[in-house]
């Protein structure tokens, strides 16, 4: 990590925080995938039963886009849940490591006694 002279050292963000931010970003992208799914499904429904005088030339493309939107919305949802769960696990592990790494010192008859 590079630190400018005279500047305080910046700590890297904890891994749990990074995972939670990634999960939140995936969760924010979810409504767009669902919106695309609703739009493609509605257009495909219109294409399956076109108004009189019209015909649908791209029904296969619309079906493929609808299926992609379904997959994308599931992927965003599972990625958000996975990142949140991984962030929670990393946070718990980091808390346990921080508690285990504490140094305890106390006066003793022979001087100072320290334990980890």
PDB file of N, CA and C in Angstrom:
ATOM      1  N   UNK A   1       0.850  -1.164   0.000  1.00  0.00           N
ATOM      2  CA  UNK A   1       0.000   0.000   0.000  1.00  0.00           C
ATOM      3  C   UNK A   1       0.900   1.232   0.000  1.00  0.00           C
ATOM      4  N   UNK A   2       0.611   2.202  -0.849  1.00  0.00           N
ATOM      5  CA  UNK A   2       1.366   3.433  -0.932  1.00  0.00           C
ATOM      6  C   UNK A   2       0.790   4.457   0.031  1.00  0.00           C
ATOM      7  N   UNK A   3       1.673   5.130   0.737  1.00  0.00           N
ATOM      8  CA  UNK A   3       1.247   6.154   1.685  1.00  0.00           C
ATOM      9  C   UNK A   3       2.051   7.411   1.394  1.00  0.00           C
ATOM     10  N   UNK A   4       1.375   8.537   1.253  1.00  0.00           N
ATOM     11  CA  UNK A   4       2.056   9.803   1.009  1.00  0.00           C
ATOM     12  C   UNK A   4       2.829  10.207   2.259  1.00  0.00           C
ATOM     13  N   UNK A   5       3.945  10.878   2.052  1.00  0.00           N
ATOM     14  CA  UNK A   5       4.744  11.311   3.191  1.00  0.00           C
ATOM     15  C   UNK A   5       3.949  12.288   4.050  1.00  0.00           C
ATOM     16  N   UNK A   6       4.028  12.100   5.351  1.00  0.00           N
ATOM     17  CA  UNK A   6       3.352  12.984   6.277  1.00  0.00           C
ATOM     18  C   UNK A   6       1.866  12.709   6.424  1.00  0.00           C
ATOM     19  N   UNK A   7       1.334  11.777   5.631  1.00  0.00           N
ATOM     20  CA  UNK A   7      -0.093  11.462   5.718  1.00  0.00           C
ATOM     21  C   UNK A   7      -0.273  10.273   6.648  1.00  0.00           C
ATOM     22  N   UNK A   8      -1.405  10.236   7.291  1.00  0.00           N
ATOM     23  CA  UNK A   8      -1.719   9.085   8.122  1.00  0.00           C
ATOM     24  C   UNK A   8      -1.930   7.885   7.218  1.00  0.00           C
ATOM     25  N   UNK A   9      -1.584   6.721   7.717  1.00  0.00           N
ATOM     26  CA  UNK A   9      -1.772   5.501   6.938  1.00  0.00           C
ATOM     27  C   UNK A   9      -3.272   5.211   6.821  1.00  0.00           C
ATOM     28  N   UNK A  10      -3.692   4.891   5.616  1.00  0.00           N
ATOM     29  CA  UNK A  10      -5.088   4.530   5.391  1.00  0.00           C
ATOM     30  C   UNK A  10      -5.225   3.025   5.507  1.00  0.00           C
ATOM     31  N   UNK A  11      -6.234   2.606   6.194  1.00  0.00           N
ATOM     32  CA  UNK A  11      -6.484   1.177   6.295  1.00  0.00           C
ATOM     33  C   UNK A  11      -7.314   0.729   5.100  1.00  0.00           C
ATOM     34  N   UNK A  12      -7.059  -0.484   4.663  1.00  0.00           N
ATOM     35  CA  UNK A  12      -7.871  -1.044   3.595  1.00  0.00           C
ATOM     36  C   UNK A  12      -9.237  -1.370   4.173  1.00  0.00           C
ATOM     37  N   UNK A  13     -10.279  -1.262   3.358  1.00  0.00           N
ATOM     38  CA  UNK A  13     -11.598  -1.597   3.898  1.00  0.00           C
ATOM     39  C   UNK A  13     -11.660  -3.079   4.249  1.00  0.00           C
ATOM     40  N   UNK A  14     -12.365  -3.422   5.302  1.00  0.00           N
ATOM     41  CA  UNK A  14     -12.482  -4.832   5.668  1.00  0.00           C
ATOM     42  C   UNK A  14     -13.170  -5.621   4.564  1.00  0.00           C
ATOM     43  N   UNK A  15     -12.774  -6.855   4.436  1.00  0.00           N
ATOM     44  CA  UNK A  15     -13.327  -7.710   3.380  1.00  0.00           C
ATOM     45  C   UNK A  15     -14.847  -7.848   3.523  1.00  0.00           C
ATOM     46  N   UNK A  16     -15.331  -7.902   4.747  1.00  0.00           N
ATOM     47  CA  UNK A  16     -16.775  -8.035   4.955  1.00  0.00           C
ATOM     48  C   UNK A  16     -17.517  -6.843   4.373  1.00  0.00           C
ATOM     49  N   UNK A  17     -16.973  -5.642   4.571  1.00  0.00           N
ATOM     50  CA  UNK A  17     -17.613  -4.443   4.035  1.00  0.00           C
ATOM     51  C   UNK A  17     -17.644  -4.475   2.513  1.00  0.00           C
ATOM     52  N   UNK A  18     -16.557  -4.906   1.910  1.00  0.00           N
ATOM     53  CA  UNK A  18     -16.502  -5.001   0.446  1.00  0.00           C
ATOM     54  C   UNK A  18     -17.551  -5.992  -0.055  1.00  0.00           C
ATOM     55  N   UNK A  19     -17.664  -7.129   0.606  1.00  0.00           N
ATOM     56  CA  UNK A  19     -18.661  -8.125   0.190  1.00  0.00           C
ATOM     57  C   UNK A  19     -20.077  -7.592   0.362  1.00  0.00           C
ATOM     58  N   UNK A  20     -20.340  -6.850   1.426  1.00  0.00           N
ATOM     59  CA  UNK A  20     -21.679  -6.291   1.623  1.00  0.00           C
ATOM     60  C   UNK A  20     -21.998  -5.233   0.575  1.00  0.00           C
ATOM     61  N   UNK A  21     -21.005  -4.455   0.173  1.00  0.00           N
ATOM     62  CA  UNK A  21     -21.229  -3.458  -0.873  1.00  0.00           C
ATOM     63  C   UNK A  21     -21.521  -4.146  -2.206  1.00  0.00           C
ATOM     64  N   UNK A  22     -20.783  -5.203  -2.511  1.00  0.00           N
ATOM     65  CA  UNK A  22     -21.040  -5.963  -3.745  1.00  0.00           C
ATOM     66  C   UNK A  22     -22.442  -6.567  -3.704  1.00  0.00           C
ATOM     67  N   UNK A  23     -22.821  -7.129  -2.567  1.00  0.00           N
ATOM     68  CA  UNK A  23     -24.167  -7.693  -2.436  1.00  0.00           C
ATOM     69  C   UNK A  23     -25.244  -6.633  -2.600  1.00  0.00           C
ATOM     70  N   UNK A  24     -25.015  -5.448  -2.027  1.00  0.00           N
ATOM     71  CA  UNK A  24     -25.975  -4.352  -2.181  1.00  0.00           C
ATOM     72  C   UNK A  24     -26.083  -3.892  -3.616  1.00  0.00           C
ATOM     73  N   UNK A  25     -24.962  -3.848  -4.327  1.00  0.00           N
ATOM     74  CA  UNK A  25     -24.995  -3.456  -5.741  1.00  0.00           C
ATOM     75  C   UNK A  25     -25.779  -4.469  -6.562  1.00  0.00           C
ATOM     76  N   UNK A  26     -25.589  -5.739  -6.265  1.00  0.00           N
ATOM     77  CA  UNK A  26     -26.359  -6.777  -6.969  1.00  0.00           C
ATOM     78  C   UNK A  26     -27.846  -6.648  -6.658  1.00  0.00           C
ATOM     79  N   UNK A  27     -28.149  -6.349  -5.422  1.00  0.00           N
ATOM     80  CA  UNK A  27     -29.546  -6.186  -5.031  1.00  0.00           C
ATOM     81  C   UNK A  27     -30.174  -4.975  -5.709  1.00  0.00           C
ATOM     82  N   UNK A  28     -29.387  -3.910  -5.900  1.00  0.00           N
ATOM     83  CA  UNK A  28     -29.895  -2.735  -6.605  1.00  0.00           C
ATOM     84  C   UNK A  28     -30.093  -3.000  -8.092  1.00  0.00           C
ATOM     85  N   UNK A  29     -29.335  -3.921  -8.653  1.00  0.00           N
ATOM     86  CA  UNK A  29     -29.479  -4.252 -10.076  1.00  0.00           C
ATOM     87  C   UNK A  29     -30.661  -5.188 -10.319  1.00  0.00           C
ATOM     88  N   UNK A  30     -31.117  -5.865  -9.297  1.00  0.00           N
ATOM     89  CA  UNK A  30     -32.218  -6.832  -9.426  1.00  0.00           C
ATOM     90  C   UNK A  30     -33.492  -6.244 -10.045  1.00  0.00           C
ATOM     91  N   UNK A  31     -33.970  -5.068  -9.610  1.00  0.00           N
ATOM     92  CA  UNK A  31     -35.205  -4.536 -10.207  1.00  0.00           C
ATOM     93  C   UNK A  31     -35.090  -4.277 -11.711  1.00  0.00           C
ATOM     94  N   UNK A  32     -33.896  -3.946 -12.188  1.00  0.00           N
ATOM     95  CA  UNK A  32     -33.733  -3.725 -13.623  1.00  0.00           C
ATOM     96  C   UNK A  32     -33.880  -5.036 -14.399  1.00  0.00           C
ATOM     97  N   UNK A  33     -33.347  -6.112 -13.842  1.00  0.00           N
ATOM     98  CA  UNK A  33     -33.503  -7.416 -14.477  1.00  0.00           C
ATOM     99  C   UNK A  33     -34.969  -7.846 -14.466  1.00  0.00           C
ATOM    100  N   UNK A  34     -35.653  -7.601 -13.361  1.00  0.00           N
ATOM    101  CA  UNK A  34     -37.078  -7.955 -13.287  1.00  0.00           C
ATOM    102  C   UNK A  34     -37.886  -7.081 -14.238  1.00  0.00           C
ATOM    103  N   UNK A  35     -37.542  -5.805 -14.339  1.00  0.00           N
ATOM    104  CA  UNK A  35     -38.229  -4.922 -15.290  1.00  0.00           C
ATOM    105  C   UNK A  35     -38.049  -5.376 -16.722  1.00  0.00           C
ATOM    106  N   UNK A  36     -36.840  -5.800 -17.061  1.00  0.00           N
ATOM    107  CA  UNK A  36     -36.589  -6.313 -18.408  1.00  0.00           C
ATOM    108  C   UNK A  36     -37.413  -7.572 -18.646  1.00  0.00           C
ATOM    109  N   UNK A  37     -37.506  -8.429 -17.627  1.00  0.00           N
ATOM    110  CA  UNK A  37     -38.309  -9.645 -17.732  1.00  0.00           C
ATOM    111  C   UNK A  37     -39.774  -9.316 -17.979  1.00  0.00           C
ATOM    112  N   UNK A  38     -40.325  -8.388 -17.230  1.00  0.00           N
ATOM    113  CA  UNK A  38     -41.733  -8.008 -17.402  1.00  0.00           C
ATOM    114  C   UNK A  38     -41.963  -7.417 -18.787  1.00  0.00           C
ATOM    115  N   UNK A  39     -41.047  -6.570 -19.243  1.00  0.00           N
ATOM    116  CA  UNK A  39     -41.175  -5.965 -20.569  1.00  0.00           C
ATOM    117  C   UNK A  39     -41.123  -7.011 -21.670  1.00  0.00           C
ATOM    118  N   UNK A  40     -40.152  -7.914 -21.604  1.00  0.00           N
ATOM    119  CA  UNK A  40     -40.011  -8.937 -22.655  1.00  0.00           C
ATOM    120  C   UNK A  40     -41.186  -9.904 -22.625  1.00  0.00           C
ATOM    121  N   UNK A  41     -41.688 -10.240 -21.433  1.00  0.00           N
ATOM    122  CA  UNK A  41     -42.823 -11.152 -21.333  1.00  0.00           C
ATOM    123  C   UNK A  41     -44.083 -10.514 -21.901  1.00  0.00           C
ATOM    124  N   UNK A  42     -44.278  -9.213 -21.622  1.00  0.00           N
ATOM    125  CA  UNK A  42     -45.439  -8.515 -22.169  1.00  0.00           C
ATOM    126  C   UNK A  42     -45.363  -8.394 -23.685  1.00  0.00           C
ATOM    127  N   UNK A  43     -44.186  -8.080 -24.196  1.00  0.00           N
ATOM    128  CA  UNK A  43     -44.006  -7.975 -25.644  1.00  0.00           C
ATOM    129  C   UNK A  43     -44.178  -9.331 -26.306  1.00  0.00           C
ATOM    130  N   UNK A  44     -43.695 -10.378 -25.660  1.00  0.00           N
ATOM    131  CA  UNK A  44     -43.862 -11.724 -26.200  1.00  0.00           C
ATOM    132  C   UNK A  44     -45.333 -12.121 -26.216  1.00  0.00           C
ATOM    133  N   UNK A  45     -46.088 -11.723 -25.192  1.00  0.00           N
ATOM    134  CA  UNK A  45     -47.530 -11.996 -25.177  1.00  0.00           C
ATOM    135  C   UNK A  45     -48.249 -11.297 -26.306  1.00  0.00           C
ATOM    136  N   UNK A  46     -47.864 -10.060 -26.588  1.00  0.00           N
ATOM    137  CA  UNK A  46     -48.454  -9.323 -27.705  1.00  0.00           C
ATOM    138  C   UNK A  46     -48.063  -9.963 -29.023  1.00  0.00           C
ATOM    139  N   UNK A  47     -46.841 -10.467 -29.089  1.00  0.00           N
ATOM    140  CA  UNK A  47     -46.357 -11.097 -30.309  1.00  0.00           C
ATOM    141  C   UNK A  47     -47.071 -12.430 -30.567  1.00  0.00           C
ATOM    142  N   UNK A  48     -47.398 -13.137 -29.501  1.00  0.00           N
ATOM    143  CA  UNK A  48     -48.097 -14.408 -29.661  1.00  0.00           C
ATOM    144  C   UNK A  48     -49.517 -14.222 -30.177  1.00  0.00           C
ATOM    145  N   UNK A  49     -50.119 -13.087 -29.853  1.00  0.00           N
ATOM    146  CA  UNK A  49     -51.479 -12.795 -30.296  1.00  0.00           C
ATOM    147  C   UNK A  49     -51.491 -11.372 -30.855  1.00  0.00           C
ATOM    148  N   UNK A  50     -50.922 -11.179 -32.060  1.00  0.00           N
ATOM    149  CA  UNK A  50     -50.797  -9.813 -32.589  1.00  0.00           C
ATOM    150  C   UNK A  50     -52.156  -9.211 -32.947  1.00  0.00           C
ATOM    151  N   UNK A  51     -52.234  -7.884 -32.887  1.00  0.00           N
ATOM    152  CA  UNK A  51     -53.465  -7.215 -33.295  1.00  0.00           C
ATOM    153  C   UNK A  51     -53.736  -7.482 -34.783  1.00  0.00           C
ATOM    154  N   UNK A  52     -54.994  -7.358 -35.210  1.00  0.00           N
ATOM    155  CA  UNK A  52     -55.313  -7.601 -36.621  1.00  0.00           C
ATOM    156  C   UNK A  52     -54.497  -6.679 -37.536  1.00  0.00           C
ATOM    157  N   UNK A  53     -53.958  -7.256 -38.576  1.00  0.00           N
ATOM    158  CA  UNK A  53     -53.182  -6.496 -39.544  1.00  0.00           C
ATOM    159  C   UNK A  53     -51.695  -6.450 -39.236  1.00  0.00           C
ATOM    160  N   UNK A  54     -51.277  -7.026 -38.126  1.00  0.00           N
ATOM    161  CA  UNK A  54     -49.857  -7.048 -37.757  1.00  0.00           C
ATOM    162  C   UNK A  54     -49.378  -8.484 -37.674  1.00  0.00           C
ATOM    163  N   UNK A  55     -48.087  -8.678 -37.806  1.00  0.00           N
ATOM    164  CA  UNK A  55     -47.491  -9.997 -37.605  1.00  0.00           C
ATOM    165  C   UNK A  55     -46.200  -9.837 -36.809  1.00  0.00           C
ATOM    166  N   UNK A  56     -45.790 -10.882 -36.164  1.00  0.00           N
ATOM    167  CA  UNK A  56     -44.595 -10.848 -35.310  1.00  0.00           C
ATOM    168  C   UNK A  56     -43.483 -11.645 -35.981  1.00  0.00           C
ATOM    169  N   UNK A  57     -42.375 -10.964 -36.285  1.00  0.00           N
ATOM    170  CA  UNK A  57     -41.254 -11.623 -36.947  1.00  0.00           C
ATOM    171  C   UNK A  57     -40.151 -12.040 -35.977  1.00  0.00           C
ATOM    172  N   UNK A  58     -40.217 -11.581 -34.748  1.00  0.00           N
ATOM    173  CA  UNK A  58     -39.101 -11.828 -33.826  1.00  0.00           C
ATOM    174  C   UNK A  58     -39.516 -12.552 -32.545  1.00  0.00           C
ATOM    175  N   UNK A  59     -40.447 -13.472 -32.646  1.00  0.00           N
ATOM    176  CA  UNK A  59     -40.931 -14.181 -31.456  1.00  0.00           C
ATOM    177  C   UNK A  59     -39.813 -14.991 -30.801  1.00  0.00           C
ATOM    178  N   UNK A  60     -38.959 -15.631 -31.588  1.00  0.00           N
ATOM    179  CA  UNK A  60     -37.866 -16.430 -31.026  1.00  0.00           C
ATOM    180  C   UNK A  60     -36.871 -15.537 -30.281  1.00  0.00           C
ATOM    181  N   UNK A  61     -36.578 -14.370 -30.825  1.00  0.00           N
ATOM    182  CA  UNK A  61     -35.661 -13.444 -30.165  1.00  0.00           C
ATOM    183  C   UNK A  61     -36.252 -12.946 -28.850  1.00  0.00           C
ATOM    184  N   UNK A  62     -37.536 -12.617 -28.856  1.00  0.00           N
ATOM    185  CA  UNK A  62     -38.184 -12.159 -27.625  1.00  0.00           C
ATOM    186  C   UNK A  62     -38.190 -13.251 -26.563  1.00  0.00           C
ATOM    187  N   UNK A  63     -38.426 -14.495 -26.980  1.00  0.00           N
ATOM    188  CA  UNK A  63     -38.415 -15.610 -26.028  1.00  0.00           C
ATOM    189  C   UNK A  63     -37.016 -15.798 -25.442  1.00  0.00           C
ATOM    190  N   UNK A  64     -35.986 -15.650 -26.277  1.00  0.00           N
ATOM    191  CA  UNK A  64     -34.613 -15.784 -25.803  1.00  0.00           C
ATOM    192  C   UNK A  64     -34.270 -14.658 -24.820  1.00  0.00           C
ATOM    193  N   UNK A  65     -34.705 -13.441 -25.113  1.00  0.00           N
ATOM    194  CA  UNK A  65     -34.454 -12.317 -24.210  1.00  0.00           C
ATOM    195  C   UNK A  65     -35.204 -12.489 -22.895  1.00  0.00           C
ATOM    196  N   UNK A  66     -36.434 -13.009 -22.957  1.00  0.00           N
ATOM    197  CA  UNK A  66     -37.191 -13.255 -21.728  1.00  0.00           C
ATOM    198  C   UNK A  66     -36.484 -14.287 -20.869  1.00  0.00           C
ATOM    199  N   UNK A  67     -35.992 -15.364 -21.499  1.00  0.00           N
ATOM    200  CA  UNK A  67     -35.282 -16.401 -20.753  1.00  0.00           C
ATOM    201  C   UNK A  67     -33.983 -15.861 -20.155  1.00  0.00           C
ATOM    202  N   UNK A  68     -33.296 -15.000 -20.891  1.00  0.00           N
ATOM    203  CA  UNK A  68     -32.069 -14.379 -20.371  1.00  0.00           C
ATOM    204  C   UNK A  68     -32.387 -13.486 -19.174  1.00  0.00           C
ATOM    205  N   UNK A  69     -33.501 -12.776 -19.234  1.00  0.00           N
ATOM    206  CA  UNK A  69     -33.903 -11.906 -18.123  1.00  0.00           C
ATOM    207  C   UNK A  69     -34.241 -12.730 -16.882  1.00  0.00           C
ATOM    208  N   UNK A  70     -34.862 -13.880 -17.075  1.00  0.00           N
ATOM    209  CA  UNK A  70     -35.155 -14.773 -15.947  1.00  0.00           C
ATOM    210  C   UNK A  70     -33.846 -15.228 -15.306  1.00  0.00           C
ATOM    211  N   UNK A  71     -32.921 -15.677 -16.121  1.00  0.00           N
ATOM    212  CA  UNK A  71     -31.628 -16.127 -15.604  1.00  0.00           C
ATOM    213  C   UNK A  71     -30.864 -15.016 -14.913  1.00  0.00           C
ATOM    214  N   UNK A  72     -30.912 -13.823 -15.496  1.00  0.00           N
ATOM    215  CA  UNK A  72     -30.206 -12.684 -14.915  1.00  0.00           C
ATOM    216  C   UNK A  72     -30.791 -12.282 -13.569  1.00  0.00           C
ATOM    217  N   UNK A  73     -32.104 -12.296 -13.457  1.00  0.00           N
ATOM    218  CA  UNK A  73     -32.707 -11.917 -12.178  1.00  0.00           C
ATOM    219  C   UNK A  73     -32.392 -12.947 -11.095  1.00  0.00           C
ATOM    220  N   UNK A  74     -32.388 -14.236 -11.449  1.00  0.00           N
ATOM    221  CA  UNK A  74     -31.984 -15.254 -10.469  1.00  0.00           C
ATOM    222  C   UNK A  74     -30.513 -15.099 -10.107  1.00  0.00           C
ATOM    223  N   UNK A  75     -29.664 -14.835 -11.101  1.00  0.00           N
ATOM    224  CA  UNK A  75     -28.226 -14.689 -10.841  1.00  0.00           C
ATOM    225  C   UNK A  75     -27.960 -13.504  -9.911  1.00  0.00           C
ATOM    226  N   UNK A  76     -28.618 -12.363 -10.166  1.00  0.00           N
ATOM    227  CA  UNK A  76     -28.426 -11.205  -9.293  1.00  0.00           C
ATOM    228  C   UNK A  76     -28.898 -11.507  -7.870  1.00  0.00           C
ATOM    229  N   UNK A  77     -30.030 -12.165  -7.754  1.00  0.00           N
ATOM    230  CA  UNK A  77     -30.561 -12.493  -6.429  1.00  0.00           C
ATOM    231  C   UNK A  77     -29.645 -13.427  -5.654  1.00  0.00           C
ATOM    232  N   UNK A  78     -29.192 -14.503  -6.305  1.00  0.00           N
ATOM    233  CA  UNK A  78     -28.308 -15.450  -5.629  1.00  0.00           C
ATOM    234  C   UNK A  78     -26.943 -14.821  -5.331  1.00  0.00           C
ATOM    235  N   UNK A  79     -26.436 -13.991  -6.238  1.00  0.00           N
ATOM    236  CA  UNK A  79     -25.155 -13.327  -5.993  1.00  0.00           C
ATOM    237  C   UNK A  79     -25.263 -12.368  -4.805  1.00  0.00           C
ATOM    238  N   UNK A  80     -26.378 -11.648  -4.698  1.00  0.00           N
ATOM    239  CA  UNK A  80     -26.568 -10.727  -3.573  1.00  0.00           C
ATOM    240  C   UNK A  80     -26.622 -11.498  -2.256  1.00  0.00           C
ATOM    241  N   UNK A  81     -27.386 -12.578  -2.229  1.00  0.00           N
ATOM    242  CA  UNK A  81     -27.469 -13.377  -1.007  1.00  0.00           C
ATOM    243  C   UNK A  81     -26.130 -14.020  -0.665  1.00  0.00           C
ATOM    244  N   UNK A  82     -25.429 -14.512  -1.675  1.00  0.00           N
ATOM    245  CA  UNK A  82     -24.129 -15.138  -1.453  1.00  0.00           C
ATOM    246  C   UNK A  82     -23.103 -14.152  -0.929  1.00  0.00           C
ATOM    247  N   UNK A  83     -23.069 -12.954  -1.501  1.00  0.00           N
ATOM    248  CA  UNK A  83     -22.114 -11.938  -1.049  1.00  0.00           C
ATOM    249  C   UNK A  83     -22.432 -11.496   0.374  1.00  0.00           C
ATOM    250  N   UNK A  84     -23.717 -11.355   0.686  1.00  0.00           N
ATOM    251  CA  UNK A  84     -24.098 -10.964   2.050  1.00  0.00           C
ATOM    252  C   UNK A  84     -23.724 -12.050   3.055  1.00  0.00           C
ATOM    253  N   UNK A  85     -23.970 -13.309   2.701  1.00  0.00           N
ATOM    254  CA  UNK A  85     -23.620 -14.414   3.595  1.00  0.00           C
ATOM    255  C   UNK A  85     -22.106 -14.526   3.760  1.00  0.00           C
ATOM    256  N   UNK A  86     -21.364 -14.381   2.663  1.00  0.00           N
ATOM    257  CA  UNK A  86     -19.906 -14.435   2.746  1.00  0.00           C
ATOM    258  C   UNK A  86     -19.377 -13.276   3.579  1.00  0.00           C
ATOM    259  N   UNK A  87     -19.962 -12.091   3.426  1.00  0.00           N
ATOM    260  CA  UNK A  87     -19.555 -10.944   4.230  1.00  0.00           C
ATOM    261  C   UNK A  87     -19.793 -11.183   5.707  1.00  0.00           C
ATOM    262  N   UNK A  88     -20.933 -11.775   6.035  1.00  0.00           N
ATOM    263  CA  UNK A  88     -21.227 -12.080   7.437  1.00  0.00           C
ATOM    264  C   UNK A  88     -20.236 -13.107   7.990  1.00  0.00           C
ATOM    265  N   UNK A  89     -19.918 -14.108   7.195  1.00  0.00           N
ATOM    266  CA  UNK A  89     -18.966 -15.127   7.631  1.00  0.00           C
ATOM    267  C   UNK A  89     -17.575 -14.528   7.829  1.00  0.00           C
ATOM    268  N   UNK A  90     -17.127 -13.710   6.896  1.00  0.00           N
ATOM    269  CA  UNK A  90     -15.816 -13.060   7.017  1.00  0.00           C
ATOM    270  C   UNK A  90     -15.787 -12.151   8.241  1.00  0.00           C
ATOM    271  N   UNK A  91     -16.884 -11.441   8.501  1.00  0.00           N
ATOM    272  CA  UNK A  91     -16.955 -10.550   9.660  1.00  0.00           C
ATOM    273  C   UNK A  91     -16.848 -11.344  10.965  1.00  0.00           C
ATOM    274  N   UNK A  92     -17.582 -12.465  11.052  1.00  0.00           N
ATOM    275  CA  UNK A  92     -17.536 -13.293  12.263  1.00  0.00           C
ATOM    276  C   UNK A  92     -16.135 -13.849  12.473  1.00  0.00           C
ATOM    277  N   UNK A  93     -15.512 -14.323  11.398  1.00  0.00           N
ATOM    278  CA  UNK A  93     -14.153 -14.866  11.510  1.00  0.00           C
ATOM    279  C   UNK A  93     -13.176 -13.770  11.944  1.00  0.00           C
ATOM    280  N   UNK A  94     -13.313 -12.577  11.371  1.00  0.00           N
ATOM    281  CA  UNK A  94     -12.427 -11.468  11.734  1.00  0.00           C
ATOM    282  C   UNK A  94     -12.621 -11.073  13.200  1.00  0.00           C
ATOM    283  N   UNK A  95     -13.867 -11.079  13.681  1.00  0.00           N
ATOM    284  CA  UNK A  95     -14.113 -10.749  15.087  1.00  0.00           C
ATOM    285  C   UNK A  95     -13.472 -11.779  16.002  1.00  0.00           C
ATOM    286  N   UNK A  96     -13.576 -13.056  15.643  1.00  0.00           N
ATOM    287  CA  UNK A  96     -12.968 -14.114  16.461  1.00  0.00           C
ATOM    288  C   UNK A  96     -11.449 -14.017  16.446  1.00  0.00           C
ATOM    289  N   UNK A  97     -10.876 -13.703  15.275  1.00  0.00           N
ATOM    290  CA  UNK A  97      -9.423 -13.544  15.190  1.00  0.00           C
ATOM    291  C   UNK A  97      -8.950 -12.343  15.993  1.00  0.00           C
ATOM    292  N   UNK A  98      -9.716 -11.253  15.968  1.00  0.00           N
ATOM    293  CA  UNK A  98      -9.334 -10.053  16.720  1.00  0.00           C
ATOM    294  C   UNK A  98      -9.352 -10.335  18.221  1.00  0.00           C
ATOM    295  N   UNK A  99     -10.330 -11.095  18.677  1.00  0.00           N
ATOM    296  CA  UNK A  99     -10.386 -11.421  20.099  1.00  0.00           C
ATOM    297  C   UNK A  99      -9.265 -12.372  20.481  1.00  0.00           C
ATOM    298  N   UNK A 100      -8.923 -13.298  19.590  1.00  0.00           N
ATOM    299  CA  UNK A 100      -7.878 -14.267  19.889  1.00  0.00           C
ATOM    300  C   UNK A 100      -6.495 -13.625  19.871  1.00  0.00           C
ATOM    301  N   UNK A 101      -6.325 -12.541  19.123  1.00  0.00           N
ATOM    302  CA  UNK A 101      -5.015 -11.918  18.980  1.00  0.00           C
ATOM    303  C   UNK A 101      -4.731 -10.879  20.060  1.00  0.00           C
ATOM    304  N   UNK A 102      -5.610 -10.677  20.993  1.00  0.00           N
ATOM    305  CA  UNK A 102      -5.391  -9.675  22.039  1.00  0.00           C
ATOM    306  C   UNK A 102      -4.295 -10.127  22.986  1.00  0.00           C
ATOM    307  N   UNK A 103      -3.517  -9.191  23.419  1.00  0.00           N
ATOM    308  CA  UNK A 103      -2.426  -9.432  24.356  1.00  0.00           C
ATOM    309  C   UNK A 103      -2.856  -8.924  25.733  1.00  0.00           C
ATOM    310  N   UNK A 104      -2.797  -9.802  26.710  1.00  0.00           N
ATOM    311  CA  UNK A 104      -3.184  -9.412  28.074  1.00  0.00           C
ATOM    312  C   UNK A 104      -1.948  -9.452  28.968  1.00  0.00           C
ATOM    313  N   UNK A 105      -1.682  -8.349  29.635  1.00  0.00           N
ATOM    314  CA  UNK A 105      -0.541  -8.266  30.559  1.00  0.00           C
ATOM    315  C   UNK A 105      -1.044  -7.858  31.944  1.00  0.00           C
ATOM    316  N   UNK A 106      -0.422  -8.410  32.969  1.00  0.00           N
ATOM    317  CA  UNK A 106      -0.791  -8.078  34.342  1.00  0.00           C
ATOM    318  C   UNK A 106       0.446  -8.174  35.220  1.00  0.00           C
ATOM    319  N   UNK A 107       0.455  -7.406  36.294  1.00  0.00           N
ATOM    320  CA  UNK A 107       1.601  -7.519  37.213  1.00  0.00           C
ATOM    321  C   UNK A 107       1.613  -8.897  37.880  1.00  0.00           C
ATOM    322  N   UNK A 108       2.784  -9.411  38.094  1.00  0.00           N
ATOM    323  CA  UNK A 108       2.928 -10.700  38.770  1.00  0.00           C
ATOM    324  C   UNK A 108       4.052 -10.586  39.795  1.00  0.00           C
ATOM    325  N   UNK A 109       4.161 -11.544  40.703  1.00  0.00           N
ATOM    326  CA  UNK A 109       5.197 -11.453  41.727  1.00  0.00           C
ATOM    327  C   UNK A 109       6.606 -11.354  41.134  1.00  0.00           C
ATOM    328  N   UNK A 110       6.836 -11.923  39.968  1.00  0.00           N
ATOM    329  CA  UNK A 110       8.174 -11.877  39.376  1.00  0.00           C
ATOM    330  C   UNK A 110       8.353 -10.741  38.399  1.00  0.00           C
ATOM    331  N   UNK A 111       7.385  -9.892  38.238  1.00  0.00           N
ATOM    332  CA  UNK A 111       7.495  -8.792  37.280  1.00  0.00           C
ATOM    333  C   UNK A 111       6.194  -8.578  36.525  1.00  0.00           C
ATOM    334  N   UNK A 112       6.204  -8.872  35.240  1.00  0.00           N
ATOM    335  CA  UNK A 112       5.028  -8.657  34.412  1.00  0.00           C
ATOM    336  C   UNK A 112       4.720  -9.953  33.667  1.00  0.00           C
ATOM    337  N   UNK A 113       3.506 -10.403  33.739  1.00  0.00           N
ATOM    338  CA  UNK A 113       3.077 -11.616  33.056  1.00  0.00           C
ATOM    339  C   UNK A 113       2.188 -11.238  31.894  1.00  0.00           C
ATOM    340  N   UNK A 114       2.512 -11.696  30.687  1.00  0.00           N
ATOM    341  CA  UNK A 114       1.710 -11.414  29.495  1.00  0.00           C
ATOM    342  C   UNK A 114       1.265 -12.719  28.851  1.00  0.00           C
ATOM    343  N   UNK A 115       0.059 -12.697  28.345  1.00  0.00           N
ATOM    344  CA  UNK A 115      -0.460 -13.870  27.634  1.00  0.00           C
ATOM    345  C   UNK A 115      -1.205 -13.387  26.394  1.00  0.00           C
ATOM    346  N   UNK A 116      -1.306 -14.271  25.437  1.00  0.00           N
ATOM    347  CA  UNK A 116      -2.012 -13.971  24.181  1.00  0.00           C
ATOM    348  C   UNK A 116      -3.411 -14.496  24.235  1.00  0.00           C
TER     349      UNK A 116
END
